[in-house]
N, C-alpha and C. Protein backbone atom coordinates (compact mmCIF):
# COMPACT_ATOMS: atom_id res chain seq x y z
N MET A 1 135.26 93.50 169.49
CA MET A 1 133.90 93.53 169.02
C MET A 1 133.55 94.92 168.48
N ASN A 2 133.98 95.93 169.18
CA ASN A 2 133.72 97.30 168.79
C ASN A 2 134.43 97.65 167.49
N ASN A 3 135.62 97.07 167.28
CA ASN A 3 136.39 97.33 166.06
C ASN A 3 135.70 96.76 164.82
N ILE A 4 134.98 95.67 164.98
CA ILE A 4 134.28 95.06 163.84
C ILE A 4 133.19 95.99 163.34
N PHE A 5 132.43 96.61 164.25
CA PHE A 5 131.38 97.53 163.84
C PHE A 5 131.96 98.76 163.16
N LEU A 6 133.08 99.25 163.64
CA LEU A 6 133.73 100.41 163.02
C LEU A 6 134.23 100.07 161.62
N ALA A 7 134.75 98.86 161.42
CA ALA A 7 135.24 98.45 160.11
C ALA A 7 134.08 98.34 159.12
N GLN A 8 132.95 97.79 159.56
CA GLN A 8 131.79 97.68 158.68
C GLN A 8 131.24 99.05 158.32
N GLU A 9 131.24 99.96 159.27
CA GLU A 9 130.74 101.30 159.03
C GLU A 9 131.65 102.04 158.05
N ASN A 10 132.95 101.88 158.17
CA ASN A 10 133.89 102.52 157.24
C ASN A 10 133.74 101.94 155.83
N LEU A 11 133.52 100.64 155.75
CA LEU A 11 133.35 99.99 154.45
C LEU A 11 132.10 100.50 153.76
N LEU A 12 131.01 100.60 154.49
CA LEU A 12 129.76 101.11 153.93
C LEU A 12 129.92 102.57 153.50
N GLY A 13 130.60 103.36 154.31
CA GLY A 13 130.81 104.77 153.98
C GLY A 13 131.67 104.96 152.75
N SER A 14 132.63 104.05 152.52
CA SER A 14 133.49 104.19 151.35
C SER A 14 132.82 103.64 150.09
N LEU A 15 131.90 102.69 150.21
CA LEU A 15 131.22 102.13 149.05
C LEU A 15 130.00 102.94 148.62
N LEU A 16 129.45 103.75 149.50
CA LEU A 16 128.25 104.52 149.20
C LEU A 16 128.41 105.43 147.98
N PRO A 17 129.50 106.18 147.81
CA PRO A 17 129.64 107.03 146.62
C PRO A 17 129.66 106.21 145.31
N PHE A 18 130.28 105.04 145.33
CA PHE A 18 130.31 104.20 144.13
C PHE A 18 128.92 103.66 143.79
N ILE A 19 128.18 103.28 144.81
CA ILE A 19 126.81 102.80 144.59
C ILE A 19 125.95 103.93 144.03
N LEU A 20 126.10 105.13 144.56
CA LEU A 20 125.35 106.27 144.05
C LEU A 20 125.72 106.58 142.59
N MET A 21 127.00 106.48 142.25
CA MET A 21 127.43 106.73 140.86
C MET A 21 126.81 105.70 139.91
N ILE A 22 126.76 104.45 140.32
CA ILE A 22 126.16 103.41 139.48
C ILE A 22 124.67 103.69 139.27
N VAL A 23 123.98 104.09 140.32
CA VAL A 23 122.55 104.40 140.20
C VAL A 23 122.34 105.60 139.27
N ILE A 24 123.15 106.62 139.39
CA ILE A 24 123.04 107.81 138.53
C ILE A 24 123.32 107.45 137.08
N ILE A 25 124.36 106.66 136.82
CA ILE A 25 124.67 106.23 135.46
C ILE A 25 123.52 105.42 134.89
N TRP A 26 122.92 104.56 135.69
CA TRP A 26 121.79 103.76 135.23
C TRP A 26 120.65 104.65 134.75
N PHE A 27 120.27 105.67 135.55
CA PHE A 27 119.14 106.51 135.20
C PHE A 27 119.46 107.51 134.10
N LEU A 28 120.70 107.93 133.96
CA LEU A 28 121.04 108.93 132.94
C LEU A 28 121.47 108.33 131.61
N ILE A 29 122.03 107.13 131.60
CA ILE A 29 122.58 106.58 130.36
C ILE A 29 121.90 105.27 129.96
N ILE A 30 121.91 104.29 130.80
CA ILE A 30 121.48 102.94 130.43
C ILE A 30 119.97 102.87 130.21
N ARG A 31 119.20 103.40 131.11
CA ARG A 31 117.73 103.32 131.02
C ARG A 31 117.20 104.04 129.78
N PRO A 32 117.62 105.28 129.47
CA PRO A 32 117.14 105.93 128.23
C PRO A 32 117.57 105.19 126.96
N GLN A 33 118.77 104.62 126.96
CA GLN A 33 119.23 103.88 125.80
C GLN A 33 118.37 102.65 125.55
N LYS A 34 118.01 101.93 126.60
CA LYS A 34 117.14 100.76 126.45
C LYS A 34 115.77 101.17 125.94
N LYS A 35 115.29 102.32 126.39
CA LYS A 35 113.99 102.82 125.92
C LYS A 35 114.06 103.14 124.43
N ARG A 36 115.13 103.78 123.96
CA ARG A 36 115.29 104.09 122.53
C ARG A 36 115.38 102.82 121.70
N GLN A 37 116.10 101.81 122.21
CA GLN A 37 116.21 100.53 121.49
C GLN A 37 114.85 99.87 121.36
N LYS A 38 114.05 99.91 122.40
CA LYS A 38 112.73 99.31 122.37
C LYS A 38 111.84 100.04 121.37
N GLU A 39 111.89 101.38 121.35
CA GLU A 39 111.10 102.16 120.40
C GLU A 39 111.53 101.87 118.96
N HIS A 40 112.84 101.75 118.71
CA HIS A 40 113.34 101.47 117.37
C HIS A 40 112.90 100.09 116.91
N LYS A 41 112.97 99.11 117.79
CA LYS A 41 112.53 97.75 117.45
C LYS A 41 111.05 97.74 117.12
N ASN A 42 110.26 98.47 117.89
CA ASN A 42 108.83 98.56 117.66
C ASN A 42 108.55 99.23 116.30
N MET A 43 109.30 100.28 115.97
CA MET A 43 109.14 100.95 114.69
C MET A 43 109.47 100.01 113.53
N LEU A 44 110.54 99.22 113.67
CA LEU A 44 110.92 98.28 112.61
C LEU A 44 109.86 97.20 112.42
N GLU A 45 109.26 96.73 113.50
CA GLU A 45 108.24 95.70 113.41
C GLU A 45 106.96 96.21 112.76
N ASN A 46 106.70 97.52 112.85
CA ASN A 46 105.46 98.09 112.32
C ASN A 46 105.63 98.76 110.96
N LEU A 47 106.75 98.55 110.28
CA LEU A 47 106.94 99.11 108.95
C LEU A 47 105.99 98.45 107.97
N LYS A 48 105.52 99.22 107.00
CA LYS A 48 104.65 98.67 105.96
C LYS A 48 104.97 99.37 104.64
N THR A 49 104.51 98.79 103.56
CA THR A 49 104.78 99.38 102.25
C THR A 49 104.13 100.76 102.17
N GLY A 50 104.84 101.67 101.53
CA GLY A 50 104.36 103.05 101.40
C GLY A 50 104.93 103.98 102.45
N ASP A 51 105.60 103.45 103.47
CA ASP A 51 106.21 104.30 104.50
C ASP A 51 107.47 104.96 103.95
N LYS A 52 107.65 106.23 104.28
CA LYS A 52 108.88 106.93 103.92
C LYS A 52 109.89 106.71 105.03
N VAL A 53 111.11 106.30 104.65
CA VAL A 53 112.12 105.95 105.64
C VAL A 53 113.47 106.55 105.27
N ILE A 54 114.36 106.59 106.25
CA ILE A 54 115.75 106.97 106.06
C ILE A 54 116.60 105.83 106.61
N THR A 55 117.61 105.40 105.83
CA THR A 55 118.48 104.32 106.28
C THR A 55 119.61 104.90 107.13
N ASN A 56 120.39 104.01 107.74
CA ASN A 56 121.54 104.45 108.54
C ASN A 56 122.58 105.16 107.67
N GLY A 57 122.63 104.84 106.39
CA GLY A 57 123.56 105.48 105.47
C GLY A 57 123.07 106.80 104.94
N GLY A 58 121.82 107.17 105.24
CA GLY A 58 121.28 108.45 104.81
C GLY A 58 120.42 108.37 103.56
N MET A 59 120.19 107.20 103.02
CA MET A 59 119.37 107.03 101.84
C MET A 59 117.90 107.19 102.22
N GLN A 60 117.20 108.05 101.47
CA GLN A 60 115.77 108.26 101.70
C GLN A 60 114.97 107.58 100.62
N GLY A 61 113.81 107.08 100.97
CA GLY A 61 112.96 106.46 99.98
C GLY A 61 111.66 105.97 100.58
N ILE A 62 110.89 105.31 99.71
CA ILE A 62 109.59 104.78 100.10
C ILE A 62 109.66 103.26 100.02
N ILE A 63 109.18 102.59 101.04
CA ILE A 63 109.21 101.13 101.07
C ILE A 63 108.25 100.60 100.02
N SER A 64 108.78 99.74 99.13
CA SER A 64 107.93 99.14 98.10
C SER A 64 107.64 97.67 98.39
N LYS A 65 108.51 97.01 99.16
CA LYS A 65 108.30 95.60 99.46
C LYS A 65 109.07 95.23 100.72
N ILE A 66 108.48 94.38 101.54
CA ILE A 66 109.13 93.89 102.76
C ILE A 66 109.16 92.37 102.70
N ASN A 67 110.35 91.79 102.90
CA ASN A 67 110.52 90.34 102.94
C ASN A 67 111.05 89.98 104.32
N VAL A 68 110.14 89.57 105.20
CA VAL A 68 110.50 89.29 106.59
C VAL A 68 111.39 88.06 106.70
N GLU A 69 111.13 87.04 105.85
CA GLU A 69 111.92 85.81 105.92
C GLU A 69 113.40 86.06 105.63
N LYS A 70 113.67 86.92 104.64
CA LYS A 70 115.06 87.22 104.28
C LYS A 70 115.59 88.45 105.02
N ASN A 71 114.73 89.08 105.84
CA ASN A 71 115.12 90.26 106.61
C ASN A 71 115.51 91.41 105.69
N LEU A 72 114.80 91.55 104.56
CA LEU A 72 115.10 92.59 103.57
C LEU A 72 113.90 93.50 103.37
N VAL A 73 114.20 94.74 103.00
CA VAL A 73 113.20 95.71 102.63
C VAL A 73 113.66 96.35 101.33
N SER A 74 112.75 96.49 100.37
CA SER A 74 113.06 97.12 99.09
C SER A 74 112.57 98.56 99.14
N ILE A 75 113.48 99.50 98.90
CA ILE A 75 113.17 100.92 99.00
C ILE A 75 113.27 101.56 97.63
N LYS A 76 112.21 102.27 97.24
CA LYS A 76 112.19 103.00 95.98
C LYS A 76 112.81 104.37 96.24
N VAL A 77 113.95 104.64 95.61
CA VAL A 77 114.65 105.90 95.83
C VAL A 77 114.44 106.89 94.70
N ALA A 78 114.04 106.40 93.51
CA ALA A 78 113.73 107.25 92.37
C ALA A 78 112.84 106.43 91.43
N ASP A 79 112.42 107.04 90.34
CA ASP A 79 111.61 106.31 89.37
C ASP A 79 112.38 105.11 88.84
N ASN A 80 111.78 103.94 88.92
CA ASN A 80 112.35 102.69 88.43
C ASN A 80 113.66 102.30 89.11
N ILE A 81 113.96 102.84 90.29
CA ILE A 81 115.17 102.47 91.02
C ILE A 81 114.76 102.00 92.42
N LYS A 82 114.98 100.72 92.66
CA LYS A 82 114.68 100.13 93.97
C LYS A 82 115.95 99.47 94.49
N ILE A 83 116.22 99.68 95.76
CA ILE A 83 117.42 99.13 96.39
C ILE A 83 116.98 98.31 97.58
N ASP A 84 117.59 97.13 97.74
CA ASP A 84 117.30 96.27 98.89
C ASP A 84 118.23 96.59 100.05
N PHE A 85 117.65 96.68 101.24
CA PHE A 85 118.40 96.94 102.46
C PHE A 85 117.97 95.91 103.51
N LEU A 86 118.82 95.69 104.47
CA LEU A 86 118.42 94.93 105.65
C LEU A 86 117.41 95.76 106.44
N ILE A 87 116.44 95.10 107.02
CA ILE A 87 115.44 95.83 107.79
C ILE A 87 116.11 96.57 108.95
N SER A 88 117.14 95.98 109.52
CA SER A 88 117.82 96.61 110.65
C SER A 88 118.58 97.87 110.26
N SER A 89 118.78 98.10 108.95
CA SER A 89 119.50 99.31 108.52
C SER A 89 118.59 100.52 108.40
N ILE A 90 117.30 100.36 108.67
CA ILE A 90 116.38 101.48 108.66
C ILE A 90 116.59 102.27 109.95
N ALA A 91 116.93 103.55 109.80
CA ALA A 91 117.20 104.38 110.96
C ALA A 91 115.92 104.99 111.53
N THR A 92 115.08 105.53 110.64
CA THR A 92 113.88 106.20 111.11
C THR A 92 112.82 106.21 110.04
N LYS A 93 111.61 106.44 110.49
CA LYS A 93 110.46 106.56 109.60
C LYS A 93 110.11 108.04 109.54
N ILE A 94 109.92 108.55 108.33
CA ILE A 94 109.59 109.97 108.15
C ILE A 94 108.08 110.12 108.29
N LEU A 95 107.68 110.98 109.19
CA LEU A 95 106.26 111.25 109.38
C LEU A 95 105.85 112.37 108.44
N ASP A 96 104.75 112.18 107.72
CA ASP A 96 104.26 113.22 106.82
C ASP A 96 103.63 114.32 107.64
N LYS A 97 104.10 115.53 107.41
CA LYS A 97 103.52 116.70 108.08
C LYS A 97 103.04 117.64 106.99
N LYS A 98 101.79 118.05 107.12
CA LYS A 98 101.26 118.99 106.14
C LYS A 98 101.79 120.37 106.47
N VAL A 99 102.32 121.04 105.44
CA VAL A 99 102.88 122.37 105.61
C VAL A 99 101.88 123.37 105.06
N ASP A 100 101.60 124.40 105.83
CA ASP A 100 100.70 125.43 105.36
C ASP A 100 101.33 126.18 104.19
N ASP A 101 100.49 126.71 103.30
CA ASP A 101 101.00 127.46 102.16
C ASP A 101 101.75 128.71 102.63
N LYS A 102 101.32 129.31 103.73
CA LYS A 102 101.98 130.51 104.24
C LYS A 102 103.40 130.19 104.69
N GLU A 103 103.59 129.06 105.37
CA GLU A 103 104.91 128.68 105.83
C GLU A 103 105.81 128.33 104.65
N GLU A 104 105.23 127.70 103.63
CA GLU A 104 106.02 127.29 102.47
C GLU A 104 106.55 128.49 101.70
N LYS A 105 105.78 129.57 101.66
CA LYS A 105 106.18 130.77 100.93
C LYS A 105 107.32 131.52 101.64
N LYS A 106 107.46 131.32 102.94
CA LYS A 106 108.52 131.99 103.70
C LYS A 106 109.89 131.53 103.26
N PHE A 107 110.01 130.28 102.85
CA PHE A 107 111.31 129.72 102.52
C PHE A 107 111.58 129.82 101.08
């Protein structure tokens, strides 16, 4: 009877480091990744015409048309040049930031 309790205690003691590693991996890797995926999905759902975006391939442009049924977005990259991309290929939305004239002259 006493040996059974010792065996259970040894088993718990040997599994504890693995359980702790799984918990640490969850909080350091898996949880932040799920948060980023949720934010990206939310950004894709809230895209509208006129937004400046960057695709996964690095193409920059302004959204001129969104076709949700076909899962396509038309991006204007230059005058009279529009390219269709999958909505999921949009990497990020560029936020317009006003630059002071003093900061602009520094560069």
